[in-house]
Amino acid sequence: MDLDIMIGVLVPVSGLVIFIARHFWKKEQCFIRMRDAIDRLSGEQDNHKEYESRITTMESDIAEIKIYLRQLLQKNDIPYD
């Protein structure tokens, strides 16, 4: 009789323990992936500074090109908007 009660209690409890262990293991894997993603993105932050300076240079070049184009259009009496 005691064996039947122990089996009746241990089987559901062991299932619950397995469920809880799997839950925390999956949660740990999620945090590990998140930490790796944050580290990877933090490392790419330096690249963004380089791109920012290149974009600033391109914007200033575009502004100069617009001025020259406007002067050419005015010199040749070509209407522009």
N, C-alpha and C. Protein backbone atom coordinates (compact mmCIF):
# COMPACT_ATOMS: atom_id res chain seq x y z
N MET A 1 0.81 -1.19 0.00
CA MET A 1 0.00 0.00 0.00
C MET A 1 0.86 1.26 0.00
N ASP A 2 1.92 1.27 0.77
CA ASP A 2 2.80 2.43 0.81
C ASP A 2 3.49 2.65 -0.54
N LEU A 3 3.83 1.58 -1.21
CA LEU A 3 4.47 1.67 -2.52
C LEU A 3 3.54 2.34 -3.53
N ASP A 4 2.27 1.97 -3.48
CA ASP A 4 1.29 2.57 -4.38
C ASP A 4 1.16 4.07 -4.15
N ILE A 5 1.16 4.50 -2.90
CA ILE A 5 1.05 5.92 -2.57
C ILE A 5 2.31 6.66 -3.02
N MET A 6 3.48 6.06 -2.79
CA MET A 6 4.73 6.69 -3.20
C MET A 6 4.78 6.85 -4.72
N ILE A 7 4.38 5.82 -5.44
CA ILE A 7 4.36 5.90 -6.91
C ILE A 7 3.35 6.95 -7.37
N GLY A 8 2.21 6.98 -6.73
CA GLY A 8 1.17 7.94 -7.09
C GLY A 8 1.60 9.38 -6.83
N VAL A 9 2.47 9.60 -5.88
CA VAL A 9 2.94 10.95 -5.58
C VAL A 9 4.20 11.28 -6.38
N LEU A 10 5.12 10.33 -6.50
CA LEU A 10 6.39 10.60 -7.15
C LEU A 10 6.26 10.81 -8.66
N VAL A 11 5.36 10.13 -9.32
CA VAL A 11 5.23 10.27 -10.77
C VAL A 11 4.78 11.69 -11.14
N PRO A 12 3.70 12.24 -10.55
CA PRO A 12 3.35 13.62 -10.89
C PRO A 12 4.39 14.64 -10.43
N VAL A 13 4.99 14.40 -9.28
CA VAL A 13 6.00 15.33 -8.78
C VAL A 13 7.22 15.32 -9.69
N SER A 14 7.64 14.15 -10.16
CA SER A 14 8.79 14.09 -11.05
C SER A 14 8.47 14.78 -12.38
N GLY A 15 7.24 14.63 -12.86
CA GLY A 15 6.84 15.35 -14.07
C GLY A 15 6.90 16.85 -13.87
N LEU A 16 6.45 17.32 -12.72
CA LEU A 16 6.49 18.74 -12.40
C LEU A 16 7.94 19.24 -12.29
N VAL A 17 8.79 18.45 -11.68
CA VAL A 17 10.20 18.83 -11.54
C VAL A 17 10.85 18.94 -12.92
N ILE A 18 10.56 17.98 -13.79
CA ILE A 18 11.11 18.02 -15.15
C ILE A 18 10.61 19.25 -15.89
N PHE A 19 9.31 19.56 -15.76
CA PHE A 19 8.74 20.74 -16.41
C PHE A 19 9.42 22.03 -15.93
N ILE A 20 9.60 22.16 -14.63
CA ILE A 20 10.23 23.36 -14.07
C ILE A 20 11.69 23.46 -14.51
N ALA A 21 12.40 22.34 -14.52
CA ALA A 21 13.81 22.35 -14.93
C ALA A 21 13.93 22.77 -16.40
N ARG A 22 13.06 22.25 -17.26
CA ARG A 22 13.09 22.62 -18.67
C ARG A 22 12.76 24.10 -18.85
N HIS A 23 11.83 24.60 -18.06
CA HIS A 23 11.45 26.01 -18.15
C HIS A 23 12.65 26.91 -17.84
N PHE A 24 13.33 26.63 -16.74
CA PHE A 24 14.48 27.46 -16.37
C PHE A 24 15.65 27.28 -17.32
N TRP A 25 15.82 26.08 -17.87
CA TRP A 25 16.89 25.86 -18.84
C TRP A 25 16.63 26.67 -20.11
N LYS A 26 15.38 26.69 -20.59
CA LYS A 26 15.05 27.49 -21.78
C LYS A 26 15.21 28.97 -21.49
N LYS A 27 14.84 29.40 -20.29
CA LYS A 27 14.99 30.80 -19.92
C LYS A 27 16.47 31.18 -19.89
N GLU A 28 17.31 30.30 -19.39
CA GLU A 28 18.74 30.55 -19.36
C GLU A 28 19.30 30.66 -20.78
N GLN A 29 18.87 29.79 -21.69
CA GLN A 29 19.31 29.85 -23.08
C GLN A 29 18.89 31.17 -23.72
N CYS A 30 17.71 31.64 -23.40
CA CYS A 30 17.22 32.92 -23.92
C CYS A 30 18.11 34.07 -23.44
N PHE A 31 18.46 34.08 -22.16
CA PHE A 31 19.31 35.13 -21.62
C PHE A 31 20.71 35.07 -22.22
N ILE A 32 21.21 33.86 -22.47
CA ILE A 32 22.53 33.73 -23.09
C ILE A 32 22.50 34.32 -24.50
N ARG A 33 21.46 34.02 -25.27
CA ARG A 33 21.34 34.58 -26.63
C ARG A 33 21.22 36.09 -26.58
N MET A 34 20.46 36.60 -25.62
CA MET A 34 20.29 38.04 -25.49
C MET A 34 21.62 38.71 -25.13
N ARG A 35 22.38 38.11 -24.24
CA ARG A 35 23.68 38.66 -23.86
C ARG A 35 24.63 38.68 -25.05
N ASP A 36 24.63 37.60 -25.83
CA ASP A 36 25.48 37.54 -27.02
C ASP A 36 25.08 38.60 -28.04
N ALA A 37 23.77 38.81 -28.21
CA ALA A 37 23.31 39.83 -29.15
C ALA A 37 23.71 41.22 -28.68
N ILE A 38 23.61 41.48 -27.39
CA ILE A 38 24.00 42.79 -26.86
C ILE A 38 25.49 43.00 -27.03
N ASP A 39 26.29 41.98 -26.78
CA ASP A 39 27.74 42.10 -26.96
C ASP A 39 28.09 42.36 -28.42
N ARG A 40 27.41 41.66 -29.33
CA ARG A 40 27.67 41.82 -30.76
C ARG A 40 27.29 43.23 -31.20
N LEU A 41 26.15 43.72 -30.76
CA LEU A 41 25.72 45.05 -31.15
C LEU A 41 26.59 46.14 -30.52
N SER A 42 27.09 45.90 -29.32
CA SER A 42 27.99 46.87 -28.69
C SER A 42 29.30 46.95 -29.46
N GLY A 43 29.76 45.85 -29.99
CA GLY A 43 30.98 45.85 -30.79
C GLY A 43 30.81 46.56 -32.12
N GLU A 44 29.60 46.57 -32.66
CA GLU A 44 29.35 47.23 -33.93
C GLU A 44 29.13 48.72 -33.77
N GLN A 45 29.12 49.21 -32.57
CA GLN A 45 28.87 50.63 -32.33
C GLN A 45 29.99 51.49 -32.93
N ASP A 46 31.21 50.99 -32.94
CA ASP A 46 32.32 51.74 -33.52
C ASP A 46 32.13 51.92 -35.01
N ASN A 47 31.56 50.92 -35.68
CA ASN A 47 31.33 51.03 -37.11
C ASN A 47 30.35 52.15 -37.43
N HIS A 48 29.38 52.34 -36.55
CA HIS A 48 28.39 53.39 -36.78
C HIS A 48 29.02 54.78 -36.73
N LYS A 49 30.02 54.97 -35.88
CA LYS A 49 30.70 56.26 -35.82
C LYS A 49 31.41 56.53 -37.14
N GLU A 50 32.01 55.52 -37.71
CA GLU A 50 32.69 55.67 -39.00
C GLU A 50 31.67 56.03 -40.08
N TYR A 51 30.54 55.35 -40.10
CA TYR A 51 29.51 55.64 -41.09
C TYR A 51 28.95 57.05 -40.90
N GLU A 52 28.82 57.48 -39.67
CA GLU A 52 28.29 58.81 -39.40
C GLU A 52 29.19 59.88 -39.99
N SER A 53 30.50 59.73 -39.84
CA SER A 53 31.42 60.72 -40.41
C SER A 53 31.38 60.68 -41.93
N ARG A 54 31.25 59.50 -42.52
CA ARG A 54 31.16 59.40 -43.97
C ARG A 54 29.89 60.04 -44.49
N ILE A 55 28.78 59.86 -43.78
CA ILE A 55 27.51 60.46 -44.19
C ILE A 55 27.59 61.98 -44.09
N THR A 56 28.22 62.49 -43.04
CA THR A 56 28.38 63.94 -42.90
C THR A 56 29.19 64.51 -44.06
N THR A 57 30.25 63.82 -44.44
CA THR A 57 31.06 64.26 -45.57
C THR A 57 30.24 64.24 -46.85
N MET A 58 29.46 63.20 -47.06
CA MET A 58 28.64 63.11 -48.26
C MET A 58 27.59 64.21 -48.29
N GLU A 59 26.99 64.53 -47.15
CA GLU A 59 25.99 65.60 -47.09
C GLU A 59 26.59 66.94 -47.46
N SER A 60 27.80 67.22 -46.99
CA SER A 60 28.44 68.49 -47.35
C SER A 60 28.78 68.52 -48.83
N ASP A 61 29.23 67.39 -49.38
CA ASP A 61 29.52 67.31 -50.82
C ASP A 61 28.25 67.52 -51.65
N ILE A 62 27.15 66.95 -51.21
CA ILE A 62 25.89 67.11 -51.93
C ILE A 62 25.43 68.57 -51.90
N ALA A 63 25.62 69.23 -50.79
CA ALA A 63 25.25 70.65 -50.70
C ALA A 63 26.05 71.47 -51.70
N GLU A 64 27.35 71.20 -51.83
CA GLU A 64 28.18 71.92 -52.80
C GLU A 64 27.74 71.62 -54.23
N ILE A 65 27.42 70.36 -54.51
CA ILE A 65 26.98 69.98 -55.85
C ILE A 65 25.68 70.70 -56.20
N LYS A 66 24.77 70.82 -55.25
CA LYS A 66 23.51 71.53 -55.50
C LYS A 66 23.77 72.99 -55.85
N ILE A 67 24.70 73.61 -55.15
CA ILE A 67 25.03 75.01 -55.43
C ILE A 67 25.57 75.15 -56.86
N TYR A 68 26.51 74.27 -57.26
CA TYR A 68 27.07 74.34 -58.60
C TYR A 68 26.02 74.08 -59.67
N LEU A 69 25.14 73.12 -59.43
CA LEU A 69 24.08 72.84 -60.39
C LEU A 69 23.14 74.03 -60.53
N ARG A 70 22.79 74.65 -59.43
CA ARG A 70 21.92 75.81 -59.46
C ARG A 70 22.57 76.95 -60.25
N GLN A 71 23.88 77.16 -60.05
CA GLN A 71 24.59 78.20 -60.80
C GLN A 71 24.63 77.90 -62.29
N LEU A 72 24.84 76.62 -62.64
CA LEU A 72 24.85 76.24 -64.05
C LEU A 72 23.48 76.46 -64.69
N LEU A 73 22.43 76.10 -63.97
CA LEU A 73 21.09 76.29 -64.51
C LEU A 73 20.77 77.77 -64.68
N GLN A 74 21.18 78.60 -63.72
CA GLN A 74 20.93 80.03 -63.83
C GLN A 74 21.73 80.64 -64.98
N LYS A 75 22.96 80.21 -65.15
CA LYS A 75 23.81 80.76 -66.21
C LYS A 75 23.23 80.44 -67.59
N ASN A 76 22.66 79.27 -67.76
CA ASN A 76 22.12 78.84 -69.05
C ASN A 76 20.63 79.17 -69.19
N ASP A 77 20.08 79.93 -68.26
CA ASP A 77 18.68 80.32 -68.29
C ASP A 77 17.74 79.14 -68.39
N ILE A 78 18.00 78.09 -67.62
CA ILE A 78 17.16 76.91 -67.56
C ILE A 78 16.33 77.00 -66.29
N PRO A 79 14.98 76.92 -66.41
CA PRO A 79 14.16 77.01 -65.21
C PRO A 79 14.32 75.78 -64.31
N TYR A 80 14.28 75.99 -63.02
CA TYR A 80 14.40 74.89 -62.07
C TYR A 80 13.49 75.16 -60.89
N ASP A 81 13.20 74.16 -60.14
CA ASP A 81 12.37 74.30 -58.94
C ASP A 81 13.12 73.89 -57.73
